[in-house]
Protein backbone atom coordinates (compact mmCIF):
# COMPACT_ATOMS: atom_id res chain seq x y z
CA MET A 1 129.22 150.66 80.49
CA ASN A 2 130.34 147.77 79.69
CA LEU A 3 130.89 145.65 75.96
CA SER A 4 127.64 143.85 76.70
CA ASP A 5 125.13 146.88 77.27
CA MET A 6 127.30 148.24 73.76
CA PHE A 7 125.30 145.94 72.19
CA VAL A 8 121.89 144.56 72.62
CA SER A 9 121.02 145.77 76.13
CA GLU A 10 117.77 145.21 78.87
CA GLN A 11 118.00 148.93 78.34
CA ASP A 12 116.78 148.89 74.82
CA THR A 13 113.15 148.89 74.75
CA ASP A 14 110.90 149.34 71.86
CA THR A 15 111.07 153.49 71.59
CA MET A 16 114.86 153.74 73.44
CA ARG A 17 118.13 152.29 72.87
CA ILE A 18 121.40 152.81 73.68
CA CYS A 19 124.64 153.87 71.40
CA GLY A 20 126.83 151.47 71.33
CA THR A 21 129.34 154.77 69.84
CA CYS A 22 128.67 157.39 72.40
CA GLY A 23 127.16 155.12 75.55
CA GLU A 24 123.80 157.73 75.20
CA ARG A 25 120.12 156.92 75.49
CA LYS A 26 118.54 158.20 72.79
CA PRO A 27 114.60 157.54 70.73
CA VAL A 28 115.04 154.86 68.40
CA GLU A 29 114.09 158.38 66.06
CA GLU A 30 118.16 158.41 66.65
CA PHE A 31 118.46 155.68 64.78
CA TYR A 32 119.21 154.46 60.99
CA LYS A 33 116.74 151.74 60.29
CA ASP A 34 119.00 148.04 59.10
CA GLY A 35 116.97 146.08 57.93
CA LYS A 36 114.10 143.42 59.82
CA ASP A 37 114.29 140.39 62.24
CA SER A 38 112.82 137.15 61.45
CA LYS A 39 109.82 138.06 62.91
CA GLY A 40 109.04 141.10 60.49
CA ASN A 41 110.25 143.43 63.20
CA PRO A 42 112.77 146.05 61.63
CA LYS A 43 115.95 146.45 62.86
CA TYR A 44 117.75 149.56 64.20
CA ARG A 45 122.05 150.57 63.71
CA ARG A 46 124.04 149.88 66.68
CA ASP A 47 125.19 153.89 66.30
CA CYS A 48 123.25 156.98 66.41
CA LYS A 49 122.78 159.13 63.73
CA ASP A 50 125.06 161.26 64.93
CA CYS A 51 127.63 158.72 65.53
CA TYR A 52 127.27 157.20 62.32
CA LYS A 53 127.82 160.33 60.66
CA MET A 54 130.75 161.21 61.94
CA THR A 55 132.38 158.20 61.89
CA ARG A 56 131.35 157.99 58.11
CA MET A 57 132.95 161.26 57.97
CA LYS A 58 136.42 160.54 59.41
CA SER A 59 136.14 157.31 57.09
CA LYS A 60 136.25 159.50 54.59
CA VAL A 61 139.01 161.71 55.66
CA GLU A 62 140.87 158.82 56.11
CA VAL A 63 140.38 158.23 52.48
CA GLN A 64 141.32 161.24 50.99
CA LYS A 65 144.40 161.32 52.80
CA HIS A 66 145.50 157.47 51.70
CA ASP A 67 144.59 159.27 48.20
CA LYS A 68 146.86 162.20 48.16
CA GLN A 69 149.65 160.30 48.93
CA ARG A 70 149.50 157.57 46.80
CA ARG A 71 149.51 159.80 43.43
């Protein structure tokens, strides 16, 4: 997968998207909504729900480690 595929891919459709993190093609229901574009159409995050959750968990653990070190 190249860098341009990770963002707005030509393979993205109204019902399917490619996750920018894992690179898998998934239905748009697997992505969190991220506002609307200028035409009023819904926009979606670049990473799927599973990848987003994993990223948030990793970040949370890192913050907790940092907080423990500061005490």
